[in-house]
Amino acid sequence: MKKTLKLLFFLALPMTLSGQLTPYSNQYMLNPQAINPAFAGNRGILNLTAFYRKQWVGVKGSPETISLAADIPFSNNKMGLGLNIMNDKLGVTRETQFSSSYAYKIAMKKGTLSFGLSAGLVMTNTAWSDLVVIDPGDEFLLVDSKVFLVPTFSFGTWYAGEKYFAGFSIPRLVGYKFDFEKNKYILNNNMNDYYYQLNTGYLIEISSDLKFVPSVLVSYSPKDKILYDINAHIRMMDRFWVGASYRNDRAFAAMFQVQLTNQIKCAYIYDFDFAKLRTFSSGSHEIMFRYEFRYKVEAISPLNF
C-alpha cells in the first residue's frame, strides 16, 4: 500500500502537467502561435523562433522547456503554415510535442481576420530508474515506462489591425490522462477540461520613437478559476522592448527584448512567484531567439502585431 501511494505521489505531478491545457509560460507574449494556431504566417515572412525556459530555479526536478517554432505565409499572404516542436521535462517525466498549424486569412477593411487549426502528436515517458527510492530493489521502478503517443489538436481565431489585436483559442481540444490500472495514457475528451483563452492588446503611440502596448490574456476552464495576465511593454525606436506582467495566481514577470539586427531578435523574461514557492525558488528564467528571413527588403518589420 505504501508503495502504491508513493507511486501515486510521483505520478500525480507529471500527469497534472500533461493534462493541463495551457502551458505555464510567458512564451505567448513573444510568439502568439504558442497558444493560437491562427497566428501562423501573421508576420508576413519566414521566421524561426527558439525558446528555453527553466521554471522554479532551485527546486530539484522543476519544469524545463525547450521549444522551436517556425511559420511562413503563402498564397499571397492569404494562408499561413506553422510548425512547433516542444520538449517538456518535469522530474523524471519527459513530454515531446510535434504539431503543425494552418491558418486561413481574410482581409478586412481595417485589418486581417485569421482562422487556424493545429494537429500533432505528443510523446511522453517516465524514467522510473532515475528515482531515488526507499526500496531500490523494486522491479517496477527499475524499468522505465515505454513511450506513449497521444494526438493533440487546437483551434484559434486572430484579428490584427494597425494598432490593436484580439485572439481566441482552445490550445488543446483533446486531453489525456494516465490510467493506473491499464498502465497507459488514455484520451480524455471532456469539454469541461478545455481552456478557453482570450488575448487582446492595443498600441498607443506616444511619439514616433516611443510606443506603449497594454494587453491581457484571460484563460477560463469550467473546472478551474479564471486566470488572467495583465501585461504592458514600452517600445523604444522599434528596437528595444521593456515590459512587465502580473498573473492573478500571484506571479510577476519582467521582460526585455532587443532587435539586434533587421533579422535577429532576442528576449529575456524573469518570472517570480511571490506566493507558492518563493521560499524555495529564486524564480523562473526564459530566453528567446528569433531569426527572420527578410529576403526582399533589409528593414525592420513594420507590423505591430
Protein backbone atom coordinates (compact mmCIF):
# COMPACT_ATOMS: atom_id res chain seq x y z
CA MET A 1 0.00 0.00 0.00
CA LYS A 2 2.81 2.42 0.89
CA LYS A 3 4.50 1.59 -2.39
CA THR A 4 1.30 2.35 -4.30
CA LEU A 5 0.84 5.67 -2.52
CA LYS A 6 4.42 6.59 -3.28
CA LEU A 7 3.89 5.87 -6.96
CA LEU A 8 0.74 7.95 -6.99
CA PHE A 9 2.65 10.85 -5.48
CA PHE A 10 5.35 10.77 -8.14
CA LEU A 11 2.80 10.28 -10.88
CA ALA A 12 0.41 12.98 -9.79
CA LEU A 13 2.57 15.97 -10.64
CA PRO A 14 3.67 14.85 -14.12
CA MET A 15 0.20 13.72 -15.06
CA THR A 16 -1.25 17.02 -13.95
CA LEU A 17 1.25 18.78 -16.20
CA SER A 18 0.40 16.53 -19.13
CA GLY A 19 -3.29 17.02 -18.59
CA GLN A 20 -3.25 20.79 -18.30
CA LEU A 21 -4.47 22.54 -21.38
CA THR A 22 -2.40 25.69 -21.29
CA PRO A 23 1.35 26.00 -20.75
CA TYR A 24 2.65 27.84 -17.69
CA SER A 25 4.86 30.15 -19.71
CA ASN A 26 5.15 33.72 -20.94
CA GLN A 27 6.05 32.47 -24.40
CA TYR A 28 2.76 33.70 -25.87
CA MET A 29 3.83 37.34 -25.33
CA LEU A 30 6.73 36.84 -27.73
CA ASN A 31 5.13 34.29 -30.03
CA PRO A 32 1.28 34.12 -30.02
CA GLN A 33 1.48 30.99 -32.19
CA ALA A 34 2.35 29.10 -28.98
CA ILE A 35 -1.30 29.30 -27.89
CA ASN A 36 -3.11 30.26 -31.12
CA PRO A 37 -2.60 28.47 -34.48
CA ALA A 38 -4.37 31.32 -36.31
CA PHE A 39 -1.24 33.46 -35.84
CA ALA A 40 0.75 31.30 -38.30
CA GLY A 41 2.06 33.45 -41.16
CA ASN A 42 0.94 36.69 -39.49
CA ARG A 43 4.43 38.26 -39.62
CA GLY A 44 4.42 38.08 -43.40
CA ILE A 45 7.82 36.34 -43.65
CA LEU A 46 9.50 33.03 -42.86
CA ASN A 47 10.89 33.09 -39.33
CA LEU A 48 12.38 30.68 -36.79
CA THR A 49 11.93 31.14 -33.04
CA ALA A 50 13.72 29.20 -30.29
CA PHE A 51 12.74 29.26 -26.60
CA TYR A 52 14.25 27.94 -23.41
CA ARG A 53 12.53 28.11 -20.02
CA LYS A 54 13.77 26.93 -16.63
CA GLN A 55 11.00 27.15 -14.07
CA TRP A 56 11.41 27.42 -10.29
CA VAL A 57 15.22 27.58 -10.21
CA GLY A 58 16.48 25.96 -7.01
CA VAL A 59 13.78 23.28 -6.89
CA LYS A 60 15.13 19.87 -7.88
CA GLY A 61 13.22 18.30 -10.76
CA SER A 62 11.44 21.57 -11.62
CA PRO A 63 9.97 22.01 -15.12
CA GLU A 64 12.31 22.69 -18.03
CA THR A 65 11.07 23.53 -21.53
CA ILE A 66 12.81 23.80 -24.90
CA SER A 67 10.82 24.71 -28.00
CA LEU A 68 11.33 25.60 -31.64
CA ALA A 69 8.68 27.30 -33.76
CA ALA A 70 8.53 28.34 -37.39
CA ASP A 71 5.85 29.88 -39.59
CA ILE A 72 5.56 31.23 -43.10
CA PRO A 73 2.84 32.89 -45.21
CA PHE A 74 1.93 31.66 -48.67
CA SER A 75 -0.64 32.20 -51.41
CA ASN A 76 -0.10 35.99 -51.34
CA ASN A 77 -0.44 36.12 -47.56
CA LYS A 78 -3.90 34.55 -47.70
CA MET A 79 -2.72 31.49 -45.76
CA GLY A 80 -0.07 30.56 -43.25
CA LEU A 81 1.73 27.42 -42.15
CA GLY A 82 3.38 26.84 -38.79
CA LEU A 83 5.49 24.19 -37.07
CA ASN A 84 6.03 23.72 -33.33
CA ILE A 85 8.39 21.32 -31.56
CA MET A 86 8.37 21.40 -27.77
CA ASN A 87 10.12 19.29 -25.15
CA ASP A 88 8.99 19.46 -21.51
CA LYS A 89 10.77 17.79 -18.62
CA LEU A 90 9.29 17.60 -15.13
CA GLY A 91 11.07 15.41 -12.62
CA VAL A 92 11.52 12.02 -14.26
CA THR A 93 8.77 12.57 -16.84
CA ARG A 94 9.52 13.90 -20.32
CA GLU A 95 6.98 15.08 -22.88
CA THR A 96 7.77 15.93 -26.52
CA GLN A 97 5.20 17.51 -28.83
CA PHE A 98 5.26 17.87 -32.61
CA SER A 99 2.48 19.91 -34.22
CA SER A 100 1.75 21.80 -37.42
CA SER A 101 -0.61 24.74 -37.90
CA TYR A 102 -2.67 26.03 -40.81
CA ALA A 103 -4.22 29.50 -40.89
CA TYR A 104 -6.62 31.00 -43.42
CA LYS A 105 -6.66 34.80 -43.59
CA ILE A 106 -9.44 37.16 -44.65
CA ALA A 107 -8.59 40.77 -45.48
CA MET A 108 -10.96 43.16 -43.70
CA LYS A 109 -11.40 46.91 -44.10
CA LYS A 110 -9.07 47.80 -41.20
CA GLY A 111 -7.22 44.58 -40.51
CA THR A 112 -6.92 40.85 -41.11
CA LEU A 113 -9.05 38.06 -39.64
CA SER A 114 -7.49 34.59 -39.39
CA PHE A 115 -8.81 31.14 -38.53
CA GLY A 116 -6.37 28.43 -37.56
CA LEU A 117 -6.17 24.72 -36.80
CA SER A 118 -3.29 22.71 -35.39
CA ALA A 119 -2.71 18.96 -35.22
CA GLY A 120 0.13 16.89 -33.87
CA LEU A 121 1.43 14.15 -31.60
CA VAL A 122 2.63 14.12 -28.01
CA MET A 123 5.21 11.53 -26.89
CA THR A 124 5.60 11.00 -23.16
CA ASN A 125 7.51 8.61 -20.94
CA THR A 126 8.77 8.34 -17.35
CA ALA A 127 12.27 7.27 -16.32
CA TRP A 128 11.47 5.38 -13.12
CA SER A 129 15.09 4.25 -12.83
CA ASP A 130 16.12 7.86 -12.11
CA LEU A 131 14.05 8.00 -8.92
CA VAL A 132 15.71 7.85 -5.52
CA VAL A 133 13.50 5.39 -3.60
CA ILE A 134 13.42 3.65 -0.25
CA ASP A 135 13.21 0.23 -1.88
CA PRO A 136 15.78 0.25 -4.73
CA GLY A 137 15.07 -3.41 -5.39
CA ASP A 138 11.52 -2.77 -6.56
CA GLU A 139 11.47 -4.26 -10.08
CA PHE A 140 8.72 -1.87 -11.18
CA LEU A 141 10.92 1.15 -10.54
CA LEU A 142 13.93 -0.36 -12.28
CA VAL A 143 12.16 -0.38 -15.66
CA ASP A 144 11.42 2.90 -17.43
CA SER A 145 7.97 3.32 -18.89
CA LYS A 146 7.52 2.82 -22.60
CA VAL A 147 6.87 5.81 -24.84
CA PHE A 148 3.19 6.66 -25.14
CA LEU A 149 1.75 8.53 -28.14
CA VAL A 150 -1.37 10.69 -27.95
CA PRO A 151 -2.82 13.13 -30.51
CA THR A 152 -3.20 16.85 -29.90
CA PHE A 153 -5.38 19.42 -31.67
CA SER A 154 -6.05 23.13 -31.21
CA PHE A 155 -8.22 25.85 -32.74
CA GLY A 156 -7.99 29.63 -32.80
CA THR A 157 -9.03 32.90 -34.40
CA TRP A 158 -6.90 36.04 -34.64
CA TYR A 159 -7.69 39.60 -35.70
CA ALA A 160 -4.99 42.24 -36.12
CA GLY A 161 -5.37 45.85 -37.12
CA GLU A 162 -2.74 48.56 -37.28
CA LYS A 163 -2.95 49.37 -33.57
CA TYR A 164 -4.83 46.52 -31.90
CA PHE A 165 -5.22 42.76 -31.90
CA ALA A 166 -7.58 40.16 -30.46
CA GLY A 167 -7.39 36.39 -30.40
CA PHE A 168 -9.46 33.48 -29.12
CA SER A 169 -8.17 29.93 -28.87
CA ILE A 170 -8.63 26.48 -27.38
CA PRO A 171 -5.00 25.31 -27.09
CA ARG A 172 -5.86 21.64 -26.60
CA LEU A 173 -9.06 20.09 -27.96
CA VAL A 174 -8.14 16.54 -26.90
CA GLY A 175 -6.93 15.93 -23.37
CA TYR A 176 -5.39 12.81 -21.88
CA LYS A 177 -4.68 11.28 -18.51
CA PHE A 178 -2.82 8.29 -17.10
CA ASP A 179 -4.84 5.14 -16.36
CA PHE A 180 -3.12 3.38 -13.46
CA GLU A 181 -4.98 0.10 -13.94
CA LYS A 182 -4.07 -0.16 -17.63
CA ASN A 183 -0.64 1.46 -17.11
CA LYS A 184 -1.04 3.77 -20.10
CA TYR A 185 -2.38 7.14 -21.20
CA ILE A 186 -5.98 7.34 -22.37
CA LEU A 187 -7.79 10.11 -24.23
CA ASN A 188 -9.99 12.30 -22.08
CA ASN A 189 -12.14 14.36 -24.44
CA ASN A 190 -14.24 16.33 -21.98
CA MET A 191 -15.30 19.89 -22.81
CA ASN A 192 -15.24 20.72 -19.10
CA ASP A 193 -11.47 20.24 -19.25
CA TYR A 194 -10.98 22.75 -22.08
CA TYR A 195 -9.18 26.02 -21.50
CA TYR A 196 -10.71 28.91 -23.43
CA GLN A 197 -8.26 31.75 -23.94
CA LEU A 198 -8.84 35.36 -24.96
CA ASN A 199 -5.86 37.57 -25.74
CA THR A 200 -6.13 41.22 -26.72
CA GLY A 201 -3.99 44.35 -26.76
CA TYR A 202 -3.73 47.90 -28.06
CA LEU A 203 -0.84 50.06 -29.25
CA ILE A 204 -0.63 53.65 -28.00
CA GLU A 205 1.79 55.80 -29.98
CA ILE A 206 3.32 58.32 -27.58
CA SER A 207 5.78 59.56 -30.22
CA SER A 208 7.39 58.24 -33.39
CA ASP A 209 10.09 56.57 -31.27
CA LEU A 210 8.06 55.59 -28.22
CA LYS A 211 5.07 53.23 -28.08
CA PHE A 212 3.10 51.76 -25.18
CA VAL A 213 1.31 48.41 -25.57
CA PRO A 214 -1.03 47.16 -22.80
CA SER A 215 -2.52 43.68 -23.25
CA VAL A 216 -4.36 40.98 -21.35
CA LEU A 217 -4.70 37.19 -21.53
CA VAL A 218 -7.74 35.56 -19.91
CA SER A 219 -7.92 31.77 -19.50
CA TYR A 220 -11.12 30.03 -18.43
CA SER A 221 -11.93 26.41 -17.67
CA PRO A 222 -15.19 25.15 -16.10
CA LYS A 223 -13.09 23.12 -13.63
CA ASP A 224 -10.68 25.89 -12.67
CA LYS A 225 -10.74 29.51 -11.59
CA ILE A 226 -10.38 32.27 -14.15
CA LEU A 227 -6.73 33.11 -14.73
CA TYR A 228 -5.60 36.38 -16.23
CA ASP A 229 -2.33 38.04 -17.17
CA ILE A 230 -2.14 41.83 -17.28
CA ASN A 231 0.77 42.86 -19.48
CA ALA A 232 2.35 46.08 -20.65
CA HIS A 233 5.51 46.96 -22.51
CA ILE A 234 7.19 50.04 -23.91
CA ARG A 235 8.84 50.03 -27.35
CA MET A 236 11.69 52.41 -27.99
CA MET A 237 12.67 53.14 -31.60
CA ASP A 238 11.18 49.75 -32.52
CA ARG A 239 14.43 48.17 -31.31
CA PHE A 240 14.06 47.88 -27.55
CA TRP A 241 11.14 46.49 -25.56
CA VAL A 242 10.81 46.69 -21.77
CA GLY A 243 7.75 45.19 -20.15
CA ALA A 244 6.08 43.61 -17.13
CA SER A 245 3.29 41.15 -16.47
CA TYR A 246 1.11 40.28 -13.48
CA ARG A 247 -0.70 36.95 -13.16
CA ASN A 248 -3.58 36.66 -10.71
CA ASP A 249 -2.22 33.44 -9.21
CA ARG A 250 0.37 35.77 -7.66
CA ALA A 251 3.21 35.77 -10.13
CA PHE A 252 5.13 38.65 -11.66
CA ALA A 253 7.28 38.75 -14.79
CA ALA A 254 9.70 41.30 -16.25
CA MET A 255 10.69 41.26 -19.93
CA PHE A 256 13.45 42.78 -22.01
CA GLN A 257 13.66 42.40 -25.79
CA VAL A 258 16.11 43.80 -28.32
CA GLN A 259 16.25 43.85 -32.12
CA LEU A 260 19.95 43.15 -32.68
CA THR A 261 19.74 43.39 -36.48
CA ASN A 262 16.94 43.60 -39.02
CA GLN A 263 16.76 39.80 -38.88
CA ILE A 264 17.72 38.87 -35.32
CA LYS A 265 15.70 39.47 -32.18
CA CYS A 266 16.46 38.27 -28.62
CA ALA A 267 14.44 38.42 -25.41
CA TYR A 268 14.72 37.55 -21.74
CA ILE A 269 11.90 37.07 -19.21
CA TYR A 270 12.27 36.74 -15.45
CA ASP A 271 9.25 35.23 -13.70
CA PHE A 272 8.87 35.33 -9.92
CA ASP A 273 6.20 33.50 -7.93
CA PHE A 274 5.75 35.54 -4.75
CA ALA A 275 3.20 33.23 -3.12
CA LYS A 276 3.77 29.49 -3.55
CA LEU A 277 7.47 28.77 -3.95
CA ARG A 278 9.23 32.00 -3.02
CA THR A 279 10.96 30.28 -0.07
CA PHE A 280 12.43 27.53 -2.23
CA SER A 281 12.90 29.10 -5.67
CA SER A 282 14.73 32.17 -6.98
CA GLY A 283 12.27 32.44 -9.87
CA SER A 284 11.97 31.25 -13.46
CA HIS A 285 14.03 32.28 -16.48
CA GLU A 286 13.05 32.28 -20.15
CA ILE A 287 15.06 33.29 -23.20
CA MET A 288 14.07 33.68 -26.84
CA PHE A 289 16.00 33.92 -30.10
CA ARG A 290 14.28 34.70 -33.42
CA TYR A 291 15.69 34.85 -36.93
CA GLU A 292 13.56 36.40 -39.69
CA PHE A 293 14.34 35.64 -43.33
CA ARG A 294 13.94 39.08 -44.89
CA TYR A 295 14.78 38.02 -48.38
CA LYS A 296 13.21 41.03 -50.13
CA VAL A 297 13.97 44.09 -48.01
CA GLU A 298 16.61 44.91 -45.42
CA ALA A 299 14.41 46.68 -42.89
CA ILE A 300 12.71 46.04 -39.58
CA SER A 301 9.20 44.65 -40.00
CA PRO A 302 6.57 47.44 -39.85
CA LEU A 303 4.00 45.04 -38.34
CA ASN A 304 2.97 45.92 -34.80
CA PHE A 305 1.44 42.53 -34.03
